[in-house]
Amino acid sequence: MASVGKTAELEEIRNQIRQLQENQQQRRQLIQDETISLQRALEETGQKIRQLEAQLAAIDSATRTRKRITELEAEEKQLADEYEKLEEELYLTEEYVREKVVLLEGRINEKFQMARFKLFHQQQNGGLAETCETTVNGVPYSSLNNAARINAGLDILNTLSHHYNKTAPVFVDNAEAVTQLLAIDSQTIRLVVSPDHPELTIVNANNRREQIA
């Protein structure tokens, strides 16, 4: 029951992250739309101010014109303040999602000895996209040598065995590529290519050999 609870908790956290991302994307779009509107309003206000300034020399009621300019300048400042507030809200939302992602990855990665998982990728637009990339010491799995890949796989198998409380014999192919296999709680069967044994030979933990014709 504890394993099911942890799985449900992990799924709940992922659902929360997805919900946060969806909310963030919606808010980002809303803020972008409002930002564009504010920018257009600022541009229009600036144009009005320039037009009024150009007309000052030709307008008899200079006092009324200056009053209108003051009003437009105040409006421009208000719009600029709103724009800055929206930018701050967007930044805080993104920081919250990033912190949540860091906590989620940390809770998962602390269960492994050497393997680490990158669960989210930051896009160019600043958003987060789900992924699942295995790394060892920061090196992606696809770039690891055979020994590191084998040991990373053993680490993952061992952690999943603990999580689900189930074990099974583990066959390690091409084990000659690994100087030291990662110690795990399951029975490990090493398959090694050896020029000294042209026929299939089984060697147990006590170095007893059985040759199979």
Protein backbone atom coordinates (compact mmCIF):
# COMPACT_ATOMS: atom_id res chain seq x y z
CA MET A 1 0.00 0.00 0.00
CA ALA A 2 2.91 2.38 0.69
CA SER A 3 4.16 1.97 -2.89
CA VAL A 4 0.71 2.71 -4.29
CA GLY A 5 0.54 5.81 -2.11
CA LYS A 6 3.91 7.05 -3.31
CA THR A 7 2.88 6.43 -6.94
CA ALA A 8 -0.39 8.28 -6.42
CA GLU A 9 1.48 11.12 -4.71
CA LEU A 10 3.94 11.35 -7.61
CA GLU A 11 1.09 11.33 -10.13
CA GLU A 12 -0.68 14.02 -8.12
CA ILE A 13 2.44 16.17 -8.15
CA ARG A 14 2.78 15.71 -11.91
CA ASN A 15 -0.88 16.62 -12.38
CA GLN A 16 -0.29 19.73 -10.28
CA ILE A 17 2.74 20.65 -12.42
CA ARG A 18 0.74 20.14 -15.62
CA GLN A 19 -2.08 22.25 -14.22
CA LEU A 20 0.39 24.95 -13.22
CA GLN A 21 1.89 24.88 -16.70
CA GLU A 22 -1.53 25.17 -18.31
CA ASN A 23 -2.46 28.03 -15.98
CA GLN A 24 0.90 29.64 -16.64
CA GLN A 25 0.42 29.33 -20.41
CA GLN A 26 -3.05 30.85 -20.20
CA ARG A 27 -1.79 33.67 -17.98
CA ARG A 28 1.21 34.18 -20.25
CA GLN A 29 -1.13 34.55 -23.25
CA LEU A 30 -3.37 36.92 -21.30
CA ILE A 31 -0.41 39.00 -20.16
CA GLN A 32 1.03 39.05 -23.68
CA ASP A 33 -2.33 40.23 -25.07
CA GLU A 34 -2.62 42.90 -22.40
CA THR A 35 1.01 43.88 -22.93
CA ILE A 36 0.42 44.37 -26.66
CA SER A 37 -2.67 46.42 -25.88
CA LEU A 38 -0.71 48.54 -23.39
CA GLN A 39 2.13 49.04 -25.84
CA ARG A 40 -0.30 50.17 -28.52
CA ALA A 41 -1.97 52.49 -26.02
CA LEU A 42 1.43 53.90 -25.06
CA GLU A 43 2.29 54.46 -28.71
CA GLU A 44 -1.07 56.14 -29.35
CA THR A 45 -0.64 58.31 -26.27
CA GLY A 46 2.83 59.31 -27.38
CA GLN A 47 1.51 60.21 -30.81
CA LYS A 48 -1.25 62.32 -29.27
CA ILE A 49 1.27 64.11 -27.10
CA ARG A 50 3.48 64.85 -30.09
CA GLN A 51 0.51 66.05 -32.11
CA LEU A 52 -0.61 68.33 -29.31
CA GLU A 53 2.88 69.72 -28.86
CA ALA A 54 3.08 70.43 -32.60
CA GLN A 55 -0.22 72.28 -32.43
CA LEU A 56 0.69 74.42 -29.40
CA ALA A 57 2.14 77.17 -31.52
CA ALA A 58 -1.04 77.34 -33.66
CA ILE A 59 -3.60 76.99 -30.88
CA ASP A 60 -4.85 80.10 -29.13
CA SER A 61 -5.84 78.28 -25.97
CA ALA A 62 -2.36 77.15 -24.94
CA THR A 63 -3.47 76.61 -21.35
CA ARG A 64 -6.13 74.07 -22.31
CA THR A 65 -3.69 72.24 -24.57
CA ARG A 66 -1.08 71.97 -21.82
CA LYS A 67 -3.71 70.62 -19.45
CA ARG A 68 -4.58 67.91 -21.97
CA ILE A 69 -0.91 67.03 -22.34
CA THR A 70 -0.63 66.66 -18.58
CA GLU A 71 -3.62 64.31 -18.55
CA LEU A 72 -2.11 62.20 -21.32
CA GLU A 73 1.22 62.05 -19.54
CA ALA A 74 -0.54 60.85 -16.38
CA GLU A 75 -2.37 58.24 -18.46
CA GLU A 76 0.91 57.14 -19.99
CA LYS A 77 2.44 56.72 -16.54
CA GLN A 78 -0.56 54.68 -15.38
CA LEU A 79 -0.28 52.40 -18.38
CA ALA A 80 3.45 51.99 -17.79
CA ASP A 81 2.79 51.06 -14.14
CA GLU A 82 0.22 48.45 -15.20
CA TYR A 83 2.66 47.01 -17.72
CA GLU A 84 5.38 46.72 -15.06
CA LYS A 85 2.94 45.02 -12.66
CA LEU A 86 1.97 42.45 -15.29
CA GLU A 87 5.62 41.70 -16.00
CA GLU A 88 6.25 41.14 -12.29
CA GLU A 89 3.25 38.78 -11.98
CA LEU A 90 4.47 36.76 -14.96
CA TYR A 91 7.95 36.49 -13.47
CA LEU A 92 6.62 35.30 -10.09
CA THR A 93 4.39 32.70 -11.76
CA GLU A 94 7.30 31.29 -13.76
CA GLU A 95 9.54 31.20 -10.68
CA TYR A 96 6.91 29.28 -8.72
CA VAL A 97 6.59 26.66 -11.46
CA ARG A 98 10.38 26.30 -11.69
CA GLU A 99 10.70 25.79 -7.93
CA LYS A 100 7.96 23.15 -8.05
CA VAL A 101 9.81 21.38 -10.86
CA VAL A 102 13.10 21.43 -8.93
CA LEU A 103 11.41 19.88 -5.88
CA LEU A 104 9.76 17.19 -7.99
CA GLU A 105 12.99 16.23 -9.76
CA GLY A 106 14.84 16.24 -6.44
CA ARG A 107 12.35 13.90 -4.77
CA ILE A 108 12.67 11.44 -7.65
CA ASN A 109 16.44 11.64 -8.15
CA GLU A 110 17.25 11.15 -4.46
CA LYS A 111 15.99 7.57 -4.78
CA PHE A 112 18.76 6.63 -7.25
CA GLN A 113 22.46 6.05 -6.62
CA MET A 114 23.90 7.32 -9.90
CA ALA A 115 21.10 7.78 -12.44
CA ARG A 116 19.40 11.15 -12.59
CA PHE A 117 16.28 12.17 -14.50
CA LYS A 118 15.58 15.46 -16.23
CA LEU A 119 11.79 15.68 -16.27
CA PHE A 120 11.34 19.15 -17.74
CA HIS A 121 13.00 21.17 -20.48
CA GLN A 122 12.99 24.97 -20.58
CA GLN A 123 11.88 26.23 -23.98
CA GLN A 124 13.12 29.34 -25.76
CA ASN A 125 9.89 31.19 -24.88
CA GLY A 126 10.58 30.57 -21.18
CA GLY A 127 7.95 27.86 -20.73
CA LEU A 128 8.54 24.34 -19.44
CA ALA A 129 8.00 21.21 -21.53
CA GLU A 130 7.76 17.71 -20.08
CA THR A 131 10.53 15.28 -20.95
CA CYS A 132 12.23 12.25 -19.37
CA GLU A 133 15.96 12.17 -20.01
CA THR A 134 18.27 9.90 -18.02
CA THR A 135 21.71 11.30 -17.19
CA VAL A 136 24.79 10.24 -15.22
CA ASN A 137 26.95 13.04 -13.82
CA GLY A 138 25.19 15.41 -16.19
CA VAL A 139 25.92 13.30 -19.30
CA PRO A 140 22.83 12.20 -21.29
CA TYR A 141 22.23 8.45 -21.49
CA SER A 142 22.69 8.47 -25.28
CA SER A 143 26.26 9.77 -24.83
CA LEU A 144 27.32 7.33 -22.09
CA ASN A 145 29.72 4.45 -22.69
CA ASN A 146 28.52 0.84 -22.32
CA ALA A 147 29.75 0.50 -18.73
CA ALA A 148 27.93 3.63 -17.56
CA ARG A 149 24.76 2.61 -19.41
CA ILE A 150 24.78 -0.84 -17.82
CA ASN A 151 25.33 0.51 -14.31
CA ALA A 152 22.69 3.19 -14.80
CA GLY A 153 20.26 0.49 -15.89
CA LEU A 154 21.10 -1.59 -12.81
CA ASP A 155 20.52 1.47 -10.63
CA ILE A 156 17.09 2.04 -12.18
CA LEU A 157 16.14 -1.65 -11.85
CA ASN A 158 17.25 -1.73 -8.23
CA THR A 159 15.28 1.42 -7.34
CA LEU A 160 12.13 0.15 -9.07
CA SER A 161 12.52 -3.20 -7.27
CA HIS A 162 12.59 -1.36 -3.94
CA HIS A 163 9.66 0.82 -4.93
CA TYR A 164 7.42 -2.09 -5.94
CA ASN A 165 8.95 -4.50 -3.40
CA LYS A 166 9.62 -7.09 -6.11
CA THR A 167 12.89 -8.63 -7.26
CA ALA A 168 13.91 -10.88 -10.14
CA PRO A 169 17.21 -12.16 -11.56
CA VAL A 170 18.95 -9.56 -13.72
CA PHE A 171 20.88 -10.62 -16.83
CA VAL A 172 23.73 -8.28 -17.75
CA ASP A 173 24.76 -8.72 -21.39
CA ASN A 174 28.22 -7.62 -22.56
CA ALA A 175 29.31 -7.58 -18.93
CA GLU A 176 32.95 -7.73 -19.99
CA ALA A 177 32.61 -3.99 -20.77
CA VAL A 178 32.14 -3.20 -17.08
CA THR A 179 35.07 -3.23 -14.65
CA GLN A 180 32.80 -3.02 -11.60
CA LEU A 181 29.07 -3.70 -11.73
CA LEU A 182 26.89 -1.59 -9.50
CA ALA A 183 25.87 -3.64 -6.46
CA ILE A 184 22.11 -4.31 -6.39
CA ASP A 185 19.84 -6.42 -4.22
CA SER A 186 18.73 -8.76 -7.04
CA GLN A 187 20.61 -11.81 -8.31
CA THR A 188 22.93 -10.66 -11.10
CA ILE A 189 23.82 -12.95 -13.99
CA ARG A 190 26.78 -11.67 -16.04
CA LEU A 191 26.99 -12.67 -19.68
CA VAL A 192 30.63 -12.32 -20.72
CA VAL A 193 32.34 -12.94 -24.04
CA SER A 194 35.61 -14.77 -23.31
CA PRO A 195 38.08 -16.19 -25.87
CA ASP A 196 39.10 -18.77 -23.23
CA HIS A 197 35.63 -20.29 -23.27
CA PRO A 198 34.54 -21.14 -26.82
CA GLU A 199 31.60 -23.06 -25.38
CA LEU A 200 28.92 -21.72 -23.06
CA THR A 201 30.17 -21.95 -19.47
CA ILE A 202 28.30 -21.04 -16.28
CA VAL A 203 30.37 -19.73 -13.35
CA ASN A 204 28.55 -19.31 -10.02
CA ALA A 205 29.46 -17.06 -7.12
CA ASN A 206 31.83 -19.74 -5.71
CA ASN A 207 33.73 -19.92 -9.04
CA ARG A 208 32.32 -23.37 -9.74
CA ARG A 209 32.13 -23.86 -13.49
CA GLU A 210 29.66 -25.89 -15.45
CA GLN A 211 30.30 -26.37 -19.14
CA ILE A 212 27.34 -26.77 -21.46
CA ALA A 213 28.03 -28.78 -24.61
